[in-house]
Amino acid sequence: MRQYVMFIRPILKAAILTMLLATVMGLTGCSLLFGLASSRSASSPTYTPVKFPVVIGARVDDGQLIISTGRSCPMLTTIYMFFDANKSSANINVKLLAKVDQFNIDDLPNSIGVTDPPMSTPDWHDAIMHAYASSADQPFGWSARTDLTGLVDASTQHATDEFFFGDKFGWMTSAQVTARDGVDLLTVCTPTS
């Protein structure tokens, strides 16, 4: 089993980085990975342009990292997260077993999510978090990036229902993100069509 995990991790990292690159270029992961194999006619576009910045939020409570998707993700959505720190990197996959808009990656009860493959919690301190969501209804979605540097201290200065959604949008509640979703931002769980 360990050999399988060692083999699959580089592939997963490459897939996540490819999807993040696609977002930067204004394409969805689906178009970048499968655009050439698409059976659409020549007049149909093979990509969905990213109209607004894509966000995912984070905060720290009692030393634990809490993630906010900004809007409810459908049950069985998988959130792929990659943490890139100066000297190390780690990834974690969270399958949401309920419809939720936030979760604690340091303490995932079985009713909310499970990690795949099972692993210890990554060191997210002073890392940049990249996230991508996928579900049966939306196999390819948006990817987002949030810098977690200084989040431990900054979280104490904000209400417990506020999350940091990156430098451009700052600290917001899930309700504030939901109200802006599709207006001037997107979340990792915003439907692509």
N, C-alpha and C. Protein backbone atom coordinates (compact mmCIF):
# COMPACT_ATOMS: atom_id res chain seq x y z
N MET A 1 0.83 -1.19 0.00
CA MET A 1 0.00 0.00 0.00
C MET A 1 0.87 1.25 0.00
N ARG A 2 1.95 1.22 0.78
CA ARG A 2 2.83 2.38 0.86
C ARG A 2 3.42 2.71 -0.51
N GLN A 3 3.79 1.67 -1.28
CA GLN A 3 4.34 1.90 -2.61
C GLN A 3 3.31 2.57 -3.51
N TYR A 4 2.04 2.17 -3.37
CA TYR A 4 0.97 2.78 -4.16
C TYR A 4 0.85 4.26 -3.84
N VAL A 5 0.86 4.59 -2.53
CA VAL A 5 0.74 5.99 -2.10
C VAL A 5 1.93 6.79 -2.61
N MET A 6 3.13 6.21 -2.53
CA MET A 6 4.34 6.90 -3.00
C MET A 6 4.26 7.14 -4.51
N PHE A 7 3.63 6.22 -5.25
CA PHE A 7 3.49 6.36 -6.69
C PHE A 7 2.44 7.40 -7.06
N ILE A 8 1.33 7.44 -6.34
CA ILE A 8 0.19 8.28 -6.71
C ILE A 8 0.38 9.74 -6.29
N ARG A 9 1.14 10.02 -5.23
CA ARG A 9 1.31 11.40 -4.76
C ARG A 9 1.87 12.33 -5.83
N PRO A 10 2.96 11.96 -6.53
CA PRO A 10 3.45 12.89 -7.57
C PRO A 10 2.43 13.12 -8.68
N ILE A 11 1.67 12.11 -9.00
CA ILE A 11 0.64 12.26 -10.03
C ILE A 11 -0.43 13.23 -9.56
N LEU A 12 -0.86 13.08 -8.31
CA LEU A 12 -1.87 13.98 -7.76
C LEU A 12 -1.35 15.41 -7.70
N LYS A 13 -0.12 15.58 -7.27
CA LYS A 13 0.47 16.93 -7.22
C LYS A 13 0.50 17.54 -8.62
N ALA A 14 0.91 16.76 -9.60
CA ALA A 14 0.96 17.27 -10.97
C ALA A 14 -0.42 17.66 -11.47
N ALA A 15 -1.43 16.85 -11.14
CA ALA A 15 -2.80 17.17 -11.56
C ALA A 15 -3.29 18.46 -10.91
N ILE A 16 -3.02 18.62 -9.62
CA ILE A 16 -3.46 19.83 -8.91
C ILE A 16 -2.75 21.05 -9.48
N LEU A 17 -1.45 20.95 -9.69
CA LEU A 17 -0.71 22.09 -10.23
C LEU A 17 -1.17 22.41 -11.65
N THR A 18 -1.52 21.41 -12.44
CA THR A 18 -2.04 21.64 -13.78
C THR A 18 -3.35 22.42 -13.72
N MET A 19 -4.23 22.04 -12.79
CA MET A 19 -5.52 22.74 -12.65
C MET A 19 -5.32 24.16 -12.16
N LEU A 20 -4.35 24.36 -11.26
CA LEU A 20 -4.07 25.71 -10.79
C LEU A 20 -3.53 26.57 -11.93
N LEU A 21 -2.66 26.00 -12.74
CA LEU A 21 -2.15 26.72 -13.90
C LEU A 21 -3.29 27.07 -14.85
N ALA A 22 -4.23 26.17 -15.02
CA ALA A 22 -5.37 26.43 -15.89
C ALA A 22 -6.17 27.61 -15.38
N THR A 23 -6.35 27.72 -14.06
CA THR A 23 -7.09 28.84 -13.49
C THR A 23 -6.38 30.15 -13.76
N VAL A 24 -5.06 30.15 -13.59
CA VAL A 24 -4.29 31.36 -13.85
C VAL A 24 -4.43 31.77 -15.31
N MET A 25 -4.50 30.80 -16.19
CA MET A 25 -4.63 31.08 -17.62
C MET A 25 -6.06 31.40 -18.02
N GLY A 26 -7.02 31.26 -17.10
CA GLY A 26 -8.41 31.56 -17.42
C GLY A 26 -9.17 30.37 -17.96
N LEU A 27 -8.71 29.17 -17.68
CA LEU A 27 -9.38 27.97 -18.15
C LEU A 27 -9.75 27.10 -16.97
N THR A 28 -10.76 26.25 -17.11
CA THR A 28 -11.04 25.27 -16.07
C THR A 28 -10.11 24.09 -16.26
N GLY A 29 -9.93 23.31 -15.21
CA GLY A 29 -9.11 22.12 -15.30
C GLY A 29 -9.62 21.16 -16.35
N CYS A 30 -10.91 21.11 -16.53
CA CYS A 30 -11.51 20.21 -17.52
C CYS A 30 -11.02 20.55 -18.92
N SER A 31 -10.99 21.81 -19.25
CA SER A 31 -10.59 22.17 -20.61
C SER A 31 -9.12 21.90 -20.85
N LEU A 32 -8.30 22.13 -19.83
CA LEU A 32 -6.88 21.91 -20.01
C LEU A 32 -6.57 20.43 -20.13
N LEU A 33 -7.22 19.62 -19.29
CA LEU A 33 -6.93 18.19 -19.29
C LEU A 33 -7.62 17.44 -20.40
N PHE A 34 -8.83 17.85 -20.75
CA PHE A 34 -9.62 17.07 -21.68
C PHE A 34 -10.09 17.86 -22.90
N GLY A 35 -9.62 19.07 -23.06
CA GLY A 35 -10.08 19.91 -24.16
C GLY A 35 -9.79 19.32 -25.53
N LEU A 36 -8.64 18.69 -25.68
CA LEU A 36 -8.31 18.13 -26.98
C LEU A 36 -9.14 16.90 -27.31
N ALA A 37 -9.62 16.19 -26.27
CA ALA A 37 -10.39 14.98 -26.49
C ALA A 37 -11.89 15.26 -26.53
N SER A 38 -12.25 16.53 -26.47
CA SER A 38 -13.66 16.88 -26.43
C SER A 38 -14.36 16.50 -27.73
N SER A 39 -15.60 16.05 -27.58
CA SER A 39 -16.36 15.67 -28.77
C SER A 39 -17.27 16.81 -29.22
N ARG A 40 -17.10 18.00 -28.69
CA ARG A 40 -17.92 19.14 -29.09
C ARG A 40 -17.58 19.57 -30.50
N SER A 41 -18.50 20.26 -31.12
CA SER A 41 -18.26 20.75 -32.48
C SER A 41 -17.24 21.88 -32.46
N ALA A 42 -16.69 22.19 -33.60
CA ALA A 42 -15.67 23.23 -33.70
C ALA A 42 -16.19 24.59 -33.28
N SER A 43 -17.51 24.81 -33.39
CA SER A 43 -18.07 26.11 -33.03
C SER A 43 -18.28 26.26 -31.53
N SER A 44 -18.25 25.15 -30.76
CA SER A 44 -18.44 25.21 -29.31
C SER A 44 -17.10 25.43 -28.62
N PRO A 45 -17.05 26.35 -27.65
CA PRO A 45 -15.79 26.52 -26.93
C PRO A 45 -15.53 25.29 -26.06
N THR A 46 -14.25 24.96 -25.88
CA THR A 46 -13.90 23.80 -25.05
C THR A 46 -13.46 24.23 -23.66
N TYR A 47 -13.66 25.47 -23.29
CA TYR A 47 -13.30 25.94 -21.97
C TYR A 47 -14.34 26.92 -21.45
N THR A 48 -14.32 27.09 -20.12
CA THR A 48 -15.16 28.08 -19.49
C THR A 48 -14.24 29.16 -18.93
N PRO A 49 -14.32 30.38 -19.42
CA PRO A 49 -13.43 31.42 -18.88
C PRO A 49 -13.76 31.73 -17.42
N VAL A 50 -12.74 32.01 -16.66
CA VAL A 50 -12.94 32.39 -15.27
C VAL A 50 -13.28 33.88 -15.27
N LYS A 51 -14.52 34.19 -14.88
CA LYS A 51 -14.98 35.58 -14.93
C LYS A 51 -14.48 36.41 -13.76
N PHE A 52 -14.34 35.76 -12.59
CA PHE A 52 -13.96 36.47 -11.37
C PHE A 52 -12.90 35.67 -10.63
N PRO A 53 -12.20 36.31 -9.68
CA PRO A 53 -11.24 35.57 -8.86
C PRO A 53 -11.97 34.47 -8.07
N VAL A 54 -11.30 33.34 -7.91
CA VAL A 54 -11.84 32.20 -7.16
C VAL A 54 -11.23 32.22 -5.77
N VAL A 55 -12.06 32.05 -4.73
CA VAL A 55 -11.58 32.17 -3.36
C VAL A 55 -11.89 30.92 -2.54
N ILE A 56 -11.08 30.75 -1.50
CA ILE A 56 -11.34 29.80 -0.43
C ILE A 56 -10.81 30.48 0.83
N GLY A 57 -11.51 30.33 1.94
CA GLY A 57 -11.14 31.04 3.16
C GLY A 57 -10.53 30.13 4.20
N ALA A 58 -9.83 30.76 5.15
CA ALA A 58 -9.21 30.01 6.23
C ALA A 58 -9.11 30.90 7.46
N ARG A 59 -9.08 30.25 8.61
CA ARG A 59 -8.83 30.92 9.89
C ARG A 59 -8.26 29.88 10.84
N VAL A 60 -7.72 30.34 11.97
CA VAL A 60 -7.16 29.43 12.96
C VAL A 60 -7.89 29.67 14.28
N ASP A 61 -8.44 28.60 14.84
CA ASP A 61 -9.07 28.64 16.16
C ASP A 61 -8.42 27.58 17.04
N ASP A 62 -7.91 28.00 18.19
CA ASP A 62 -7.25 27.08 19.12
C ASP A 62 -6.16 26.26 18.44
N GLY A 63 -5.41 26.89 17.54
CA GLY A 63 -4.32 26.23 16.86
C GLY A 63 -4.72 25.30 15.73
N GLN A 64 -6.00 25.25 15.41
CA GLN A 64 -6.48 24.35 14.37
C GLN A 64 -6.94 25.16 13.15
N LEU A 65 -6.63 24.63 11.96
CA LEU A 65 -6.95 25.31 10.72
C LEU A 65 -8.38 24.97 10.29
N ILE A 66 -9.21 26.01 10.17
CA ILE A 66 -10.60 25.86 9.73
C ILE A 66 -10.68 26.41 8.31
N ILE A 67 -11.26 25.65 7.40
CA ILE A 67 -11.39 26.03 6.01
C ILE A 67 -12.84 26.41 5.74
N SER A 68 -13.06 27.49 4.99
CA SER A 68 -14.39 27.89 4.55
C SER A 68 -14.42 27.91 3.03
N THR A 69 -15.37 27.17 2.47
CA THR A 69 -15.53 27.18 1.02
C THR A 69 -16.34 28.39 0.56
N GLY A 70 -16.93 29.11 1.50
CA GLY A 70 -17.67 30.33 1.16
C GLY A 70 -19.12 30.08 0.81
N ARG A 71 -19.43 28.91 0.32
CA ARG A 71 -20.80 28.49 0.03
C ARG A 71 -20.84 26.99 0.28
N SER A 72 -22.02 26.48 0.48
CA SER A 72 -22.14 25.04 0.73
C SER A 72 -21.71 24.25 -0.49
N CYS A 73 -20.91 23.24 -0.23
CA CYS A 73 -20.51 22.31 -1.28
C CYS A 73 -21.45 21.11 -1.20
N PRO A 74 -21.82 20.54 -2.33
CA PRO A 74 -22.71 19.38 -2.30
C PRO A 74 -22.08 18.20 -1.55
N MET A 75 -22.93 17.35 -1.01
CA MET A 75 -22.47 16.15 -0.34
C MET A 75 -21.61 15.34 -1.33
N LEU A 76 -20.58 14.73 -0.85
CA LEU A 76 -19.63 13.91 -1.60
C LEU A 76 -18.69 14.73 -2.49
N THR A 77 -18.61 16.03 -2.23
CA THR A 77 -17.59 16.85 -2.89
C THR A 77 -16.24 16.49 -2.29
N THR A 78 -15.23 16.43 -3.11
CA THR A 78 -13.87 16.24 -2.61
C THR A 78 -13.12 17.55 -2.81
N ILE A 79 -12.50 18.02 -1.73
CA ILE A 79 -11.66 19.21 -1.77
C ILE A 79 -10.21 18.73 -1.78
N TYR A 80 -9.50 19.02 -2.86
CA TYR A 80 -8.09 18.67 -2.96
C TYR A 80 -7.30 19.88 -2.53
N MET A 81 -6.47 19.73 -1.50
CA MET A 81 -5.68 20.85 -1.00
C MET A 81 -4.20 20.52 -1.05
N PHE A 82 -3.43 21.49 -1.47
CA PHE A 82 -1.98 21.36 -1.56
C PHE A 82 -1.39 22.53 -0.78
N PHE A 83 -0.51 22.23 0.17
CA PHE A 83 0.12 23.26 0.99
C PHE A 83 1.57 23.38 0.58
N ASP A 84 1.95 24.57 0.13
CA ASP A 84 3.30 24.81 -0.36
C ASP A 84 4.01 25.76 0.59
N ALA A 85 4.94 25.22 1.37
CA ALA A 85 5.74 26.03 2.29
C ALA A 85 7.15 26.18 1.71
N ASN A 86 7.94 27.02 2.33
CA ASN A 86 9.28 27.29 1.81
C ASN A 86 10.12 26.02 1.69
N LYS A 87 10.06 25.16 2.70
CA LYS A 87 10.95 24.00 2.71
C LYS A 87 10.22 22.68 2.49
N SER A 88 8.92 22.69 2.44
CA SER A 88 8.20 21.43 2.29
C SER A 88 6.85 21.67 1.63
N SER A 89 6.24 20.59 1.22
CA SER A 89 4.89 20.68 0.68
C SER A 89 4.14 19.42 1.11
N ALA A 90 2.82 19.53 1.13
CA ALA A 90 1.99 18.39 1.51
C ALA A 90 0.63 18.56 0.86
N ASN A 91 -0.05 17.44 0.70
CA ASN A 91 -1.39 17.54 0.16
C ASN A 91 -2.34 16.71 1.03
N ILE A 92 -3.61 17.09 0.99
CA ILE A 92 -4.64 16.40 1.73
C ILE A 92 -5.93 16.48 0.91
N ASN A 93 -6.66 15.40 0.88
CA ASN A 93 -7.93 15.36 0.16
C ASN A 93 -9.03 15.15 1.18
N VAL A 94 -10.05 15.98 1.15
CA VAL A 94 -11.15 15.89 2.09
C VAL A 94 -12.42 15.59 1.32
N LYS A 95 -13.03 14.45 1.60
CA LYS A 95 -14.31 14.11 0.97
C LYS A 95 -15.42 14.50 1.96
N LEU A 96 -16.27 15.43 1.55
CA LEU A 96 -17.33 15.91 2.42
C LEU A 96 -18.50 14.94 2.37
N LEU A 97 -18.82 14.37 3.52
CA LEU A 97 -19.91 13.39 3.60
C LEU A 97 -21.23 14.04 3.96
N ALA A 98 -21.23 15.35 4.00
CA ALA A 98 -22.45 16.13 4.28
C ALA A 98 -22.33 17.44 3.51
N LYS A 99 -23.42 18.15 3.35
CA LYS A 99 -23.41 19.45 2.69
C LYS A 99 -22.92 20.48 3.70
N VAL A 100 -21.72 20.98 3.52
CA VAL A 100 -21.12 21.92 4.47
C VAL A 100 -20.42 23.05 3.72
N ASP A 101 -20.17 24.16 4.44
CA ASP A 101 -19.41 25.25 3.85
C ASP A 101 -18.13 25.53 4.63
N GLN A 102 -17.86 24.74 5.69
CA GLN A 102 -16.60 24.88 6.40
C GLN A 102 -16.27 23.58 7.12
N PHE A 103 -14.97 23.38 7.35
CA PHE A 103 -14.52 22.18 8.05
C PHE A 103 -13.15 22.44 8.65
N ASN A 104 -12.81 21.63 9.64
CA ASN A 104 -11.56 21.73 10.37
C ASN A 104 -10.65 20.61 9.86
N ILE A 105 -9.56 20.94 9.19
CA ILE A 105 -8.73 19.87 8.63
C ILE A 105 -7.93 19.15 9.71
N ASP A 106 -7.80 19.76 10.91
CA ASP A 106 -7.09 19.10 11.99
C ASP A 106 -7.98 18.11 12.75
N ASP A 107 -9.28 18.19 12.54
CA ASP A 107 -10.21 17.33 13.28
C ASP A 107 -11.42 17.04 12.39
N LEU A 108 -11.29 16.07 11.50
CA LEU A 108 -12.37 15.75 10.56
C LEU A 108 -13.19 14.59 11.11
N PRO A 109 -14.35 14.89 11.72
CA PRO A 109 -15.19 13.79 12.16
C PRO A 109 -15.73 13.03 10.96
N ASN A 110 -16.00 11.75 11.14
CA ASN A 110 -16.45 10.92 10.02
C ASN A 110 -17.74 11.42 9.38
N SER A 111 -18.55 12.17 10.11
CA SER A 111 -19.81 12.66 9.53
C SER A 111 -19.59 13.83 8.58
N ILE A 112 -18.43 14.51 8.67
CA ILE A 112 -18.18 15.66 7.82
C ILE A 112 -17.21 15.32 6.70
N GLY A 113 -16.15 14.66 6.99
CA GLY A 113 -15.19 14.38 5.93
C GLY A 113 -14.16 13.36 6.34
N VAL A 114 -13.56 12.76 5.37
CA VAL A 114 -12.47 11.82 5.60
C VAL A 114 -11.33 12.20 4.67
N THR A 115 -10.14 11.88 5.06
CA THR A 115 -9.00 12.18 4.21
C THR A 115 -8.69 10.96 3.35
N ASP A 116 -8.21 11.21 2.17
CA ASP A 116 -7.85 10.14 1.25
C ASP A 116 -6.61 10.58 0.49
N PRO A 117 -5.50 9.95 0.58
CA PRO A 117 -5.25 8.80 1.44
C PRO A 117 -5.08 9.24 2.88
N PRO A 118 -5.36 8.35 3.85
CA PRO A 118 -5.18 8.73 5.25
C PRO A 118 -3.75 9.21 5.49
N MET A 119 -3.63 10.35 6.10
CA MET A 119 -2.30 10.90 6.36
C MET A 119 -2.38 11.84 7.55
N SER A 120 -1.24 12.20 8.07
CA SER A 120 -1.23 13.17 9.15
C SER A 120 -1.54 14.55 8.56
N THR A 121 -1.98 15.45 9.42
CA THR A 121 -2.31 16.80 8.98
C THR A 121 -1.05 17.49 8.47
N PRO A 122 -1.10 18.12 7.30
CA PRO A 122 0.09 18.79 6.78
C PRO A 122 0.45 20.02 7.61
N ASP A 123 1.71 20.39 7.58
CA ASP A 123 2.15 21.62 8.24
C ASP A 123 1.76 22.79 7.35
N TRP A 124 0.71 23.49 7.76
CA TRP A 124 0.17 24.57 6.96
C TRP A 124 0.67 25.94 7.40
N HIS A 125 1.40 26.01 8.50
CA HIS A 125 1.91 27.29 8.99
C HIS A 125 2.81 27.92 7.93
N ASP A 126 2.60 29.18 7.65
CA ASP A 126 3.41 29.92 6.67
C ASP A 126 3.45 29.24 5.30
N ALA A 127 2.34 28.66 4.91
CA ALA A 127 2.25 28.00 3.61
C ALA A 127 1.24 28.72 2.73
N ILE A 128 1.31 28.44 1.45
CA ILE A 128 0.28 28.89 0.53
C ILE A 128 -0.60 27.69 0.25
N MET A 129 -1.91 27.85 0.47
CA MET A 129 -2.85 26.76 0.27
C MET A 129 -3.48 26.90 -1.10
N HIS A 130 -3.42 25.83 -1.87
CA HIS A 130 -4.10 25.75 -3.16
C HIS A 130 -5.23 24.74 -2.98
N ALA A 131 -6.40 25.03 -3.48
CA ALA A 131 -7.54 24.13 -3.31
C ALA A 131 -8.32 24.01 -4.60
N TYR A 132 -8.90 22.83 -4.79
CA TYR A 132 -9.69 22.53 -5.97
C TYR A 132 -10.80 21.59 -5.54
N ALA A 133 -12.03 21.82 -5.99
CA ALA A 133 -13.17 21.00 -5.60
C ALA A 133 -13.68 20.19 -6.77
N SER A 134 -14.17 18.98 -6.48
CA SER A 134 -14.72 18.10 -7.50
C SER A 134 -15.86 17.30 -6.88
N SER A 135 -16.94 17.11 -7.63
CA SER A 135 -18.06 16.28 -7.17
C SER A 135 -18.64 15.56 -8.37
N ALA A 136 -19.56 14.64 -8.12
CA ALA A 136 -20.20 13.90 -9.22
C ALA A 136 -20.95 14.84 -10.15
N ASP A 137 -21.62 15.85 -9.57
CA ASP A 137 -22.37 16.82 -10.38
C ASP A 137 -21.44 17.79 -11.12
N GLN A 138 -20.28 18.01 -10.57
CA GLN A 138 -19.34 18.98 -11.13
C GLN A 138 -17.94 18.37 -11.05
N PRO A 139 -17.60 17.46 -11.97
CA PRO A 139 -16.32 16.77 -11.86
C PRO A 139 -15.10 17.68 -11.97
N PHE A 140 -15.24 18.81 -12.63
CA PHE A 140 -14.14 19.75 -12.73
C PHE A 140 -14.65 21.13 -12.36
N GLY A 141 -13.98 21.79 -11.43
CA GLY A 141 -14.45 23.09 -10.98
C GLY A 141 -13.34 24.11 -10.98
N TRP A 142 -13.44 25.04 -10.06
CA TRP A 142 -12.49 26.14 -9.96
C TRP A 142 -11.41 25.80 -8.95
N SER A 143 -10.26 26.43 -9.08
CA SER A 143 -9.21 26.30 -8.08
C SER A 143 -8.92 27.67 -7.49
N ALA A 144 -8.47 27.65 -6.23
CA ALA A 144 -8.23 28.90 -5.51
C ALA A 144 -6.90 28.80 -4.77
N ARG A 145 -6.42 29.96 -4.34
CA ARG A 145 -5.14 30.06 -3.63
C ARG A 145 -5.30 31.06 -2.49
N THR A 146 -4.81 30.69 -1.30
CA THR A 146 -4.83 31.59 -0.15
C THR A 146 -3.51 31.46 0.61
N ASP A 147 -2.90 32.58 0.93
CA ASP A 147 -1.65 32.59 1.69
C ASP A 147 -2.00 32.51 3.18
N LEU A 148 -1.47 31.49 3.86
CA LEU A 148 -1.78 31.28 5.28
C LEU A 148 -0.75 31.91 6.21
N THR A 149 0.23 32.61 5.65
CA THR A 149 1.27 33.25 6.47
C THR A 149 0.63 34.26 7.41
N GLY A 150 0.95 34.16 8.70
CA GLY A 150 0.44 35.10 9.70
C GLY A 150 -1.01 34.88 10.10
N LEU A 151 -1.61 33.79 9.65
CA LEU A 151 -3.04 33.55 9.91
C LEU A 151 -3.34 33.31 11.39
N VAL A 152 -2.40 32.70 12.11
CA VAL A 152 -2.63 32.40 13.52
C VAL A 152 -2.89 33.70 14.29
N ASP A 153 -2.03 34.70 14.13
CA ASP A 153 -2.19 35.97 14.84
C ASP A 153 -3.37 36.77 14.31
N ALA A 154 -3.56 36.79 13.00
CA ALA A 154 -4.63 37.60 12.41
C ALA A 154 -6.01 37.07 12.80
N SER A 155 -6.16 35.77 12.97
CA SER A 155 -7.47 35.21 13.30
C SER A 155 -8.00 35.70 14.64
N THR A 156 -7.10 35.98 15.58
CA THR A 156 -7.54 36.44 16.90
C THR A 156 -8.15 37.83 16.84
N GLN A 157 -7.90 38.57 15.78
CA GLN A 157 -8.40 39.93 15.64
C GLN A 157 -9.74 40.00 14.90
N HIS A 158 -10.31 38.84 14.56
CA HIS A 158 -11.57 38.80 13.80
C HIS A 158 -12.57 37.87 14.47
N ALA A 159 -13.84 38.16 14.26
CA ALA A 159 -14.92 37.33 14.82
C ALA A 159 -14.77 35.88 14.34
N THR A 160 -15.26 34.93 15.12
CA THR A 160 -15.08 33.51 14.80
C THR A 160 -15.82 33.06 13.55
N ASP A 161 -16.74 33.88 13.04
CA ASP A 161 -17.43 33.50 11.80
C ASP A 161 -16.80 34.17 10.56
N GLU A 162 -15.66 34.86 10.74
CA GLU A 162 -14.97 35.49 9.62
C GLU A 162 -13.75 34.67 9.22
N PHE A 163 -13.53 34.57 7.91
CA PHE A 163 -12.42 33.82 7.36
C PHE A 163 -11.64 34.71 6.42
N PHE A 164 -10.34 34.42 6.28
CA PHE A 164 -9.48 35.18 5.38
C PHE A 164 -9.60 34.58 3.98
N PHE A 165 -10.09 35.38 3.03
CA PHE A 165 -10.29 34.94 1.65
C PHE A 165 -9.27 35.55 0.70
N GLY A 166 -8.07 35.76 1.18
CA GLY A 166 -6.99 36.29 0.35
C GLY A 166 -6.87 37.80 0.46
N ASP A 167 -5.76 38.32 -0.04
CA ASP A 167 -5.48 39.75 0.07
C ASP A 167 -6.51 40.62 -0.64
N LYS A 168 -7.04 40.16 -1.76
CA LYS A 168 -7.97 40.99 -2.52
C LYS A 168 -9.30 41.19 -1.79
N PHE A 169 -9.79 40.15 -1.09
CA PHE A 169 -11.10 40.24 -0.44
C PHE A 169 -11.02 40.32 1.07
N GLY A 170 -9.94 39.92 1.67
CA GLY A 170 -9.76 40.04 3.11
C GLY A 170 -10.65 39.10 3.91
N TRP A 171 -11.11 39.60 5.05
CA TRP A 171 -11.89 38.80 6.00
C TRP A 171 -13.38 38.97 5.74
N MET A 172 -14.07 37.85 5.55
CA MET A 172 -15.51 37.88 5.30
C MET A 172 -16.18 36.68 5.95
N THR A 173 -17.48 36.81 6.19
CA THR A 173 -18.28 35.68 6.64
C THR A 173 -18.73 34.88 5.42
N SER A 174 -19.20 33.66 5.65
CA SER A 174 -19.73 32.85 4.55
C SER A 174 -20.92 33.54 3.89
N ALA A 175 -21.75 34.22 4.69
CA ALA A 175 -22.91 34.92 4.13
C ALA A 175 -22.46 36.05 3.20
N GLN A 176 -21.40 36.76 3.56
CA GLN A 176 -20.90 37.82 2.70
C GLN A 176 -20.34 37.25 1.39
N VAL A 177 -19.65 36.12 1.48
CA VAL A 177 -19.11 35.49 0.27
C VAL A 177 -20.24 35.01 -0.61
N THR A 178 -21.24 34.37 -0.02
CA THR A 178 -22.39 33.87 -0.78
C THR A 178 -23.08 35.01 -1.52
N ALA A 179 -23.22 36.18 -0.87
CA ALA A 179 -23.87 37.33 -1.50
C ALA A 179 -23.06 37.85 -2.69
N ARG A 180 -21.75 37.68 -2.66
CA ARG A 180 -20.89 38.19 -3.73
C ARG A 180 -20.57 37.13 -4.79
N ASP A 181 -20.93 35.87 -4.50
CA ASP A 181 -20.63 34.76 -5.40
C ASP A 181 -21.31 34.98 -6.75
N GLY A 182 -20.52 35.04 -7.80
CA GLY A 182 -21.04 35.29 -9.15
C GLY A 182 -21.16 36.77 -9.48
N VAL A 183 -20.96 37.64 -8.48
CA VAL A 183 -21.02 39.09 -8.71
C VAL A 183 -19.61 39.63 -8.96
N ASP A 184 -18.68 39.35 -8.01
CA ASP A 184 -17.30 39.78 -8.21
C ASP A 184 -16.29 38.74 -7.74
N LEU A 185 -16.77 37.54 -7.37
CA LEU A 185 -15.89 36.44 -7.01
C LEU A 185 -16.61 35.12 -7.26
N LEU A 186 -15.84 34.04 -7.23
CA LEU A 186 -16.37 32.68 -7.31
C LEU A 186 -15.76 31.89 -6.16
N THR A 187 -16.43 30.82 -5.75
CA THR A 187 -15.85 29.93 -4.74
C THR A 187 -15.45 28.63 -5.41
N VAL A 188 -14.70 27.79 -4.70
CA VAL A 188 -14.31 26.52 -5.28
C VAL A 188 -15.54 25.63 -5.53
N CYS A 189 -16.66 25.90 -4.88
CA CYS A 189 -17.87 25.11 -5.06
C CYS A 189 -18.95 25.82 -5.90
N THR A 190 -18.61 26.96 -6.50
CA THR A 190 -19.54 27.61 -7.42
C THR A 190 -19.70 26.72 -8.64
N PRO A 191 -20.93 26.42 -9.06
CA PRO A 191 -21.10 25.62 -10.26
C PRO A 191 -20.42 26.26 -11.47
N THR A 192 -19.83 25.44 -12.33
CA THR A 192 -19.09 25.97 -13.49
C THR A 192 -20.02 26.32 -14.64
N SER A 193 -21.28 25.89 -14.58
CA SER A 193 -22.21 26.25 -15.67
C SER A 193 -23.53 26.66 -15.13
